[in-house]
All heavy atoms as atom14 arrays in JSON, in Angstrom:
{
  "sequence": "VKDREITSYNSIKKDMINAGAKWKDQSVVVDQGLVT",
  "atom14_mask": [
    [1, 1, 1, 1, 1, 1, 1, 0, 0, 0, 0, 0, 0, 0],
    [1, 1, 1, 1, 1, 1, 1, 1, 1, 0, 0, 0, 0, 0],
    [1, 1, 1, 1, 1, 1, 1, 1, 0, 0, 0, 0, 0, 0],
    [1, 1, 1, 1, 1, 1, 1, 1, 1, 1, 1, 0, 0, 0],
    [1, 1, 1, 1, 1, 1, 1, 1, 1, 0, 0, 0, 0, 0],
    [1, 1, 1, 1, 1, 1, 1, 1, 0, 0, 0, 0, 0, 0],
    [1, 1, 1, 1, 1, 1, 1, 0, 0, 0, 0, 0, 0, 0],
    [1, 1, 1, 1, 1, 1, 0, 0, 0, 0, 0, 0, 0, 0],
    [1, 1, 1, 1, 1, 1, 1, 1, 1, 1, 1, 1, 0, 0],
    [1, 1, 1, 1, 1, 1, 1, 1, 0, 0, 0, 0, 0, 0],
    [1, 1, 1, 1, 1, 1, 0, 0, 0, 0, 0, 0, 0, 0],
    [1, 1, 1, 1, 1, 1, 1, 1, 0, 0, 0, 0, 0, 0],
    [1, 1, 1, 1, 1, 1, 1, 1, 1, 0, 0, 0, 0, 0],
    [1, 1, 1, 1, 1, 1, 1, 1, 1, 0, 0, 0, 0, 0],
    [1, 1, 1, 1, 1, 1, 1, 1, 0, 0, 0, 0, 0, 0],
    [1, 1, 1, 1, 1, 1, 1, 1, 0, 0, 0, 0, 0, 0],
    [1, 1, 1, 1, 1, 1, 1, 1, 0, 0, 0, 0, 0, 0],
    [1, 1, 1, 1, 1, 1, 1, 1, 0, 0, 0, 0, 0, 0],
    [1, 1, 1, 1, 1, 0, 0, 0, 0, 0, 0, 0, 0, 0],
    [1, 1, 1, 1, 0, 0, 0, 0, 0, 0, 0, 0, 0, 0],
    [1, 1, 1, 1, 1, 0, 0, 0, 0, 0, 0, 0, 0, 0],
    [1, 1, 1, 1, 1, 1, 1, 1, 1, 0, 0, 0, 0, 0],
    [1, 1, 1, 1, 1, 1, 1, 1, 1, 1, 1, 1, 1, 1],
    [1, 1, 1, 1, 1, 1, 1, 1, 1, 0, 0, 0, 0, 0],
    [1, 1, 1, 1, 1, 1, 1, 1, 0, 0, 0, 0, 0, 0],
    [1, 1, 1, 1, 1, 1, 1, 1, 1, 0, 0, 0, 0, 0],
    [1, 1, 1, 1, 1, 1, 0, 0, 0, 0, 0, 0, 0, 0],
    [1, 1, 1, 1, 1, 1, 1, 0, 0, 0, 0, 0, 0, 0],
    [1, 1, 1, 1, 1, 1, 1, 0, 0, 0, 0, 0, 0, 0],
    [1, 1, 1, 1, 1, 1, 1, 0, 0, 0, 0, 0, 0, 0],
    [1, 1, 1, 1, 1, 1, 1, 1, 0, 0, 0, 0, 0, 0],
    [1, 1, 1, 1, 1, 1, 1, 1, 1, 0, 0, 0, 0, 0],
    [1, 1, 1, 1, 0, 0, 0, 0, 0, 0, 0, 0, 0, 0],
    [1, 1, 1, 1, 1, 1, 1, 1, 0, 0, 0, 0, 0, 0],
    [1, 1, 1, 1, 1, 1, 1, 0, 0, 0, 0, 0, 0, 0],
    [1, 1, 1, 1, 1, 1, 1, 0, 0, 0, 0, 0, 0, 0]
  ],
  "atom14_positions": [
    [[9.61, -1.99, 7.55], [10.02, -2.69, 6.33], [11.51, -2.56, 6.01], [12.01, -3.27, 5.14], [9.19, -2.27, 5.09], [7.73, -2.63, 5.28], [9.36, -0.8, 4.78], [0.0, 0.0, 0.0], [0.0, 0.0, 0.0], [0.0, 0.0, 0.0], [0.0, 0.0, 0.0], [0.0, 0.0, 0.0], [0.0, 0.0, 0.0], [0.0, 0.0, 0.0]],
    [[12.22, -1.7, 6.72], [13.64, -1.49, 6.41], [14.42, -2.81, 6.5], [14.32, -3.52, 7.49], [14.24, -0.46, 7.36], [15.64, -0.03, 6.97], [16.03, 1.23, 7.73], [17.46, 1.66, 7.48], [17.9, 1.64, 6.13], [0.0, 0.0, 0.0], [0.0, 0.0, 0.0], [0.0, 0.0, 0.0], [0.0, 0.0, 0.0], [0.0, 0.0, 0.0]],
    [[15.13, -3.11, 5.41], [15.96, -4.32, 5.31], [15.16, -5.62, 5.38], [15.73, -6.68, 5.65], [17.07, -4.33, 6.38], [18.03, -3.16, 6.22], [18.3, -2.77, 5.06], [18.48, -2.63, 7.25], [0.0, 0.0, 0.0], [0.0, 0.0, 0.0], [0.0, 0.0, 0.0], [0.0, 0.0, 0.0], [0.0, 0.0, 0.0], [0.0, 0.0, 0.0]],
    [[13.85, -5.55, 5.17], [13.02, -6.76, 5.17], [12.59, -7.07, 3.74], [12.34, -6.17, 2.94], [11.74, -6.54, 6.02], [11.96, -6.06, 7.44], [12.3, -7.12, 8.46], [11.28, -8.08, 8.78], [10.32, -7.9, 9.68], [10.19, -6.76, 10.32], [9.48, -8.88, 9.94], [0.0, 0.0, 0.0], [0.0, 0.0, 0.0], [0.0, 0.0, 0.0]],
    [[12.48, -8.37, 3.44], [11.96, -8.8, 2.14], [10.44, -8.74, 2.19], [9.83, -9.34, 3.08], [12.43, -10.21, 1.82], [13.91, -10.29, 1.53], [14.34, -11.67, 1.05], [13.51, -12.61, 1.02], [15.53, -11.8, 0.72], [0.0, 0.0, 0.0], [0.0, 0.0, 0.0], [0.0, 0.0, 0.0], [0.0, 0.0, 0.0], [0.0, 0.0, 0.0]],
    [[9.86, -8.02, 1.25], [8.4, -7.92, 1.18], [7.97, -7.85, -0.29], [8.78, -7.67, -1.19], [7.85, -6.67, 1.92], [8.22, -5.38, 1.2], [8.3, -6.63, 3.37], [7.26, -4.24, 1.49], [0.0, 0.0, 0.0], [0.0, 0.0, 0.0], [0.0, 0.0, 0.0], [0.0, 0.0, 0.0], [0.0, 0.0, 0.0], [0.0, 0.0, 0.0]],
    [[6.66, -7.92, -0.49], [6.07, -7.59, -1.77], [4.86, -6.71, -1.49], [4.5, -6.48, -0.34], [5.72, -8.85, -2.6], [5.42, -8.43, -3.94], [4.54, -9.62, -2.02], [0.0, 0.0, 0.0], [0.0, 0.0, 0.0], [0.0, 0.0, 0.0], [0.0, 0.0, 0.0], [0.0, 0.0, 0.0], [0.0, 0.0, 0.0], [0.0, 0.0, 0.0]],
    [[4.25, -6.22, -2.56], [3.09, -5.32, -2.42], [2.47, -5.19, -3.79], [2.96, -5.74, -4.78], [3.55, -3.94, -1.94], [4.34, -3.31, -2.95], [0.0, 0.0, 0.0], [0.0, 0.0, 0.0], [0.0, 0.0, 0.0], [0.0, 0.0, 0.0], [0.0, 0.0, 0.0], [0.0, 0.0, 0.0], [0.0, 0.0, 0.0], [0.0, 0.0, 0.0]],
    [[1.41, -4.41, -3.85], [0.84, -4.06, -5.15], [1.92, -3.32, -5.92], [2.67, -2.51, -5.36], [-0.4, -3.17, -4.95], [-1.27, -3.09, -6.17], [-2.03, -4.19, -6.56], [-1.33, -1.92, -6.92], [-2.83, -4.12, -7.69], [-2.14, -1.85, -8.05], [-2.88, -2.96, -8.43], [-3.66, -2.89, -9.54], [0.0, 0.0, 0.0], [0.0, 0.0, 0.0]],
    [[2.03, -3.61, -7.2], [3.14, -3.08, -8.0], [3.24, -1.56, -7.98], [4.33, -1.0, -7.99], [3.01, -3.58, -9.44], [4.27, -3.31, -10.23], [5.36, -3.7, -9.82], [4.14, -2.62, -11.35], [0.0, 0.0, 0.0], [0.0, 0.0, 0.0], [0.0, 0.0, 0.0], [0.0, 0.0, 0.0], [0.0, 0.0, 0.0], [0.0, 0.0, 0.0]],
    [[2.11, -0.86, -7.91], [2.16, 0.62, -7.98], [2.82, 1.25, -6.76], [3.2, 2.42, -6.82], [0.75, 1.19, -8.16], [-0.02, 1.0, -7.0], [0.0, 0.0, 0.0], [0.0, 0.0, 0.0], [0.0, 0.0, 0.0], [0.0, 0.0, 0.0], [0.0, 0.0, 0.0], [0.0, 0.0, 0.0], [0.0, 0.0, 0.0], [0.0, 0.0, 0.0]],
    [[2.97, 0.51, -5.65], [3.64, 1.08, -4.47], [5.03, 0.47, -4.25], [5.65, 0.68, -3.22], [2.77, 1.0, -3.2], [2.53, -0.44, -2.75], [1.46, 1.75, -3.4], [1.98, -0.54, -1.33], [0.0, 0.0, 0.0], [0.0, 0.0, 0.0], [0.0, 0.0, 0.0], [0.0, 0.0, 0.0], [0.0, 0.0, 0.0], [0.0, 0.0, 0.0]],
    [[5.51, -0.27, -5.26], [6.85, -0.87, -5.19], [7.91, 0.18, -4.83], [8.73, -0.03, -3.94], [7.18, -1.53, -6.54], [8.59, -2.01, -6.68], [8.83, -2.57, -8.08], [10.28, -2.96, -8.29], [10.49, -3.51, -9.64], [0.0, 0.0, 0.0], [0.0, 0.0, 0.0], [0.0, 0.0, 0.0], [0.0, 0.0, 0.0], [0.0, 0.0, 0.0]],
    [[7.89, 1.31, -5.52], [8.88, 2.36, -5.28], [8.78, 2.9, -3.85], [9.79, 3.17, -3.21], [8.69, 3.49, -6.3], [9.78, 4.51, -6.3], [10.98, 4.0, -7.05], [11.92, 5.14, -7.38], [13.14, 4.66, -7.99], [0.0, 0.0, 0.0], [0.0, 0.0, 0.0], [0.0, 0.0, 0.0], [0.0, 0.0, 0.0], [0.0, 0.0, 0.0]],
    [[7.54, 3.04, -3.34], [7.36, 3.5, -1.96], [8.03, 2.53, -0.98], [8.64, 2.94, 0.0], [5.87, 3.6, -1.6], [5.12, 4.61, -2.44], [5.75, 5.48, -3.05], [3.88, 4.51, -2.49], [0.0, 0.0, 0.0], [0.0, 0.0, 0.0], [0.0, 0.0, 0.0], [0.0, 0.0, 0.0], [0.0, 0.0, 0.0], [0.0, 0.0, 0.0]],
    [[7.89, 1.23, -1.26], [8.46, 0.21, -0.37], [9.99, 0.25, -0.43], [10.66, 0.18, 0.6], [7.96, -1.18, -0.76], [6.45, -1.37, -0.59], [5.86, -1.03, 1.1], [5.14, 0.59, 0.89], [0.0, 0.0, 0.0], [0.0, 0.0, 0.0], [0.0, 0.0, 0.0], [0.0, 0.0, 0.0], [0.0, 0.0, 0.0], [0.0, 0.0, 0.0]],
    [[10.54, 0.38, -1.63], [12.0, 0.46, -1.8], [12.52, 1.71, -1.1], [13.54, 1.67, -0.4], [12.37, 0.41, -3.29], [12.05, -0.98, -3.86], [13.84, 0.77, -3.5], [12.09, -1.08, -5.37], [0.0, 0.0, 0.0], [0.0, 0.0, 0.0], [0.0, 0.0, 0.0], [0.0, 0.0, 0.0], [0.0, 0.0, 0.0], [0.0, 0.0, 0.0]],
    [[11.8, 2.83, -1.26], [12.21, 4.08, -0.61], [12.15, 3.98, 0.91], [12.87, 4.68, 1.61], [11.35, 5.26, -1.09], [11.68, 5.65, -2.52], [12.73, 5.32, -3.04], [10.76, 6.37, -3.14], [0.0, 0.0, 0.0], [0.0, 0.0, 0.0], [0.0, 0.0, 0.0], [0.0, 0.0, 0.0], [0.0, 0.0, 0.0], [0.0, 0.0, 0.0]],
    [[11.3, 3.09, 1.43], [11.2, 2.87, 2.88], [12.25, 1.87, 3.36], [12.29, 1.54, 4.54], [9.79, 2.38, 3.23], [0.0, 0.0, 0.0], [0.0, 0.0, 0.0], [0.0, 0.0, 0.0], [0.0, 0.0, 0.0], [0.0, 0.0, 0.0], [0.0, 0.0, 0.0], [0.0, 0.0, 0.0], [0.0, 0.0, 0.0], [0.0, 0.0, 0.0]],
    [[13.07, 1.38, 2.41], [14.17, 0.49, 2.8], [13.91, -0.99, 2.62], [14.73, -1.82, 3.0], [0.0, 0.0, 0.0], [0.0, 0.0, 0.0], [0.0, 0.0, 0.0], [0.0, 0.0, 0.0], [0.0, 0.0, 0.0], [0.0, 0.0, 0.0], [0.0, 0.0, 0.0], [0.0, 0.0, 0.0], [0.0, 0.0, 0.0], [0.0, 0.0, 0.0]],
    [[12.76, -1.34, 2.05], [12.42, -2.75, 1.87], [13.18, -3.36, 0.7], [13.58, -2.66, -0.23], [10.92, -2.9, 1.64], [0.0, 0.0, 0.0], [0.0, 0.0, 0.0], [0.0, 0.0, 0.0], [0.0, 0.0, 0.0], [0.0, 0.0, 0.0], [0.0, 0.0, 0.0], [0.0, 0.0, 0.0], [0.0, 0.0, 0.0], [0.0, 0.0, 0.0]],
    [[13.35, -4.67, 0.77], [13.88, -5.44, -0.34], [12.67, -6.04, -1.05], [12.14, -7.07, -0.62], [14.82, -6.54, 0.17], [16.03, -5.99, 0.9], [16.83, -7.11, 1.53], [17.96, -6.55, 2.36], [18.54, -7.59, 3.23], [0.0, 0.0, 0.0], [0.0, 0.0, 0.0], [0.0, 0.0, 0.0], [0.0, 0.0, 0.0], [0.0, 0.0, 0.0]],
    [[12.2, -5.38, -2.11], [10.94, -5.74, -2.77], [11.14, -6.91, -3.72], [12.1, -6.96, -4.47], [10.4, -4.53, -3.52], [8.97, -4.67, -3.95], [7.87, -4.33, -3.2], [8.48, -5.16, -5.19], [6.73, -4.59, -3.91], [7.06, -5.11, -5.13], [9.07, -5.67, -6.33], [6.25, -5.52, -6.17], [8.26, -6.09, -7.38], [6.86, -6.01, -7.3]],
    [[10.21, -7.86, -3.68], [10.25, -9.02, -4.57], [8.91, -9.16, -5.28], [7.87, -8.89, -4.67], [10.53, -10.3, -3.77], [11.89, -10.31, -3.12], [12.11, -11.65, -2.45], [13.55, -11.87, -2.04], [14.48, -12.07, -3.11], [0.0, 0.0, 0.0], [0.0, 0.0, 0.0], [0.0, 0.0, 0.0], [0.0, 0.0, 0.0], [0.0, 0.0, 0.0]],
    [[8.94, -9.61, -6.52], [7.71, -9.84, -7.28], [7.33, -11.31, -7.17], [7.64, -12.11, -8.03], [7.93, -9.43, -8.75], [6.64, -9.46, -9.55], [5.56, -9.62, -8.95], [6.72, -9.33, -10.78], [0.0, 0.0, 0.0], [0.0, 0.0, 0.0], [0.0, 0.0, 0.0], [0.0, 0.0, 0.0], [0.0, 0.0, 0.0], [0.0, 0.0, 0.0]],
    [[6.68, -11.66, -6.05], [6.25, -13.03, -5.78], [4.85, -12.99, -5.18], [4.45, -11.99, -4.6], [7.19, -13.71, -4.77], [8.59, -13.93, -5.26], [9.54, -14.41, -4.18], [10.73, -14.23, -4.3], [9.02, -14.98, -3.11], [0.0, 0.0, 0.0], [0.0, 0.0, 0.0], [0.0, 0.0, 0.0], [0.0, 0.0, 0.0], [0.0, 0.0, 0.0]],
    [[4.14, -14.12, -5.29], [2.76, -14.15, -4.78], [2.71, -13.96, -3.27], [1.78, -13.36, -2.74], [2.08, -15.46, -5.16], [2.7, -16.55, -4.51], [0.0, 0.0, 0.0], [0.0, 0.0, 0.0], [0.0, 0.0, 0.0], [0.0, 0.0, 0.0], [0.0, 0.0, 0.0], [0.0, 0.0, 0.0], [0.0, 0.0, 0.0], [0.0, 0.0, 0.0]],
    [[3.72, -14.46, -2.58], [3.79, -14.25, -1.13], [5.26, -14.23, -0.73], [6.07, -14.99, -1.26], [3.0, -15.32, -0.34], [3.58, -16.71, -0.51], [2.89, -14.98, 1.14], [0.0, 0.0, 0.0], [0.0, 0.0, 0.0], [0.0, 0.0, 0.0], [0.0, 0.0, 0.0], [0.0, 0.0, 0.0], [0.0, 0.0, 0.0], [0.0, 0.0, 0.0]],
    [[5.6, -13.31, 0.17], [6.95, -13.2, 0.7], [6.84, -13.22, 2.21], [6.02, -12.5, 2.79], [7.65, -11.9, 0.23], [9.02, -11.75, 0.88], [7.77, -11.87, -1.29], [0.0, 0.0, 0.0], [0.0, 0.0, 0.0], [0.0, 0.0, 0.0], [0.0, 0.0, 0.0], [0.0, 0.0, 0.0], [0.0, 0.0, 0.0], [0.0, 0.0, 0.0]],
    [[7.66, -14.06, 2.85], [7.68, -14.15, 4.32], [9.07, -13.76, 4.81], [10.07, -14.28, 4.32], [7.32, -15.57, 4.79], [7.3, -15.63, 6.32], [5.98, -16.02, 4.24], [0.0, 0.0, 0.0], [0.0, 0.0, 0.0], [0.0, 0.0, 0.0], [0.0, 0.0, 0.0], [0.0, 0.0, 0.0], [0.0, 0.0, 0.0], [0.0, 0.0, 0.0]],
    [[9.13, -12.85, 5.75], [10.4, -12.43, 6.35], [10.17, -12.25, 7.85], [9.56, -11.27, 8.28], [10.88, -11.13, 5.71], [12.27, -10.71, 6.2], [12.63, -11.02, 7.35], [12.99, -10.05, 5.44], [0.0, 0.0, 0.0], [0.0, 0.0, 0.0], [0.0, 0.0, 0.0], [0.0, 0.0, 0.0], [0.0, 0.0, 0.0], [0.0, 0.0, 0.0]],
    [[10.63, -13.22, 8.63], [10.52, -13.16, 10.09], [9.11, -12.78, 10.56], [8.92, -11.84, 11.31], [11.53, -12.16, 10.66], [12.97, -12.5, 10.34], [13.9, -11.36, 10.7], [13.68, -10.66, 11.68], [14.94, -11.17, 9.9], [0.0, 0.0, 0.0], [0.0, 0.0, 0.0], [0.0, 0.0, 0.0], [0.0, 0.0, 0.0], [0.0, 0.0, 0.0]],
    [[8.13, -13.54, 10.11], [6.76, -13.32, 10.56], [5.99, -12.27, 9.79], [4.79, -12.1, 10.0], [0.0, 0.0, 0.0], [0.0, 0.0, 0.0], [0.0, 0.0, 0.0], [0.0, 0.0, 0.0], [0.0, 0.0, 0.0], [0.0, 0.0, 0.0], [0.0, 0.0, 0.0], [0.0, 0.0, 0.0], [0.0, 0.0, 0.0], [0.0, 0.0, 0.0]],
    [[6.65, -11.55, 8.91], [5.98, -10.55, 8.07], [5.58, -11.24, 6.76], [6.43, -11.7, 6.02], [6.94, -9.38, 7.8], [6.37, -8.13, 7.18], [5.26, -7.55, 8.04], [7.49, -7.09, 7.02], [0.0, 0.0, 0.0], [0.0, 0.0, 0.0], [0.0, 0.0, 0.0], [0.0, 0.0, 0.0], [0.0, 0.0, 0.0], [0.0, 0.0, 0.0]],
    [[4.27, -11.33, 6.54], [3.73, -12.03, 5.36], [3.09, -10.99, 4.46], [2.16, -10.3, 4.85], [2.66, -13.07, 5.79], [2.11, -13.81, 4.57], [3.22, -14.04, 6.82], [0.0, 0.0, 0.0], [0.0, 0.0, 0.0], [0.0, 0.0, 0.0], [0.0, 0.0, 0.0], [0.0, 0.0, 0.0], [0.0, 0.0, 0.0], [0.0, 0.0, 0.0]],
    [[3.62, -10.87, 3.22], [3.07, -9.88, 2.29], [2.73, -10.53, 0.95], [3.36, -11.5, 0.54], [4.08, -8.72, 2.06], [5.35, -9.25, 1.68], [4.23, -7.87, 3.32], [0.0, 0.0, 0.0], [0.0, 0.0, 0.0], [0.0, 0.0, 0.0], [0.0, 0.0, 0.0], [0.0, 0.0, 0.0], [0.0, 0.0, 0.0], [0.0, 0.0, 0.0]]
  ]
}
């Protein structure tokens, strides 16, 4: 997830940011084949 745009359940948002993700609050986020 590092440097990738993703989303997730809100309670793990901080975990995703800490892993280097660019977290977005959207129903679906696609980044180079990664669909979240």
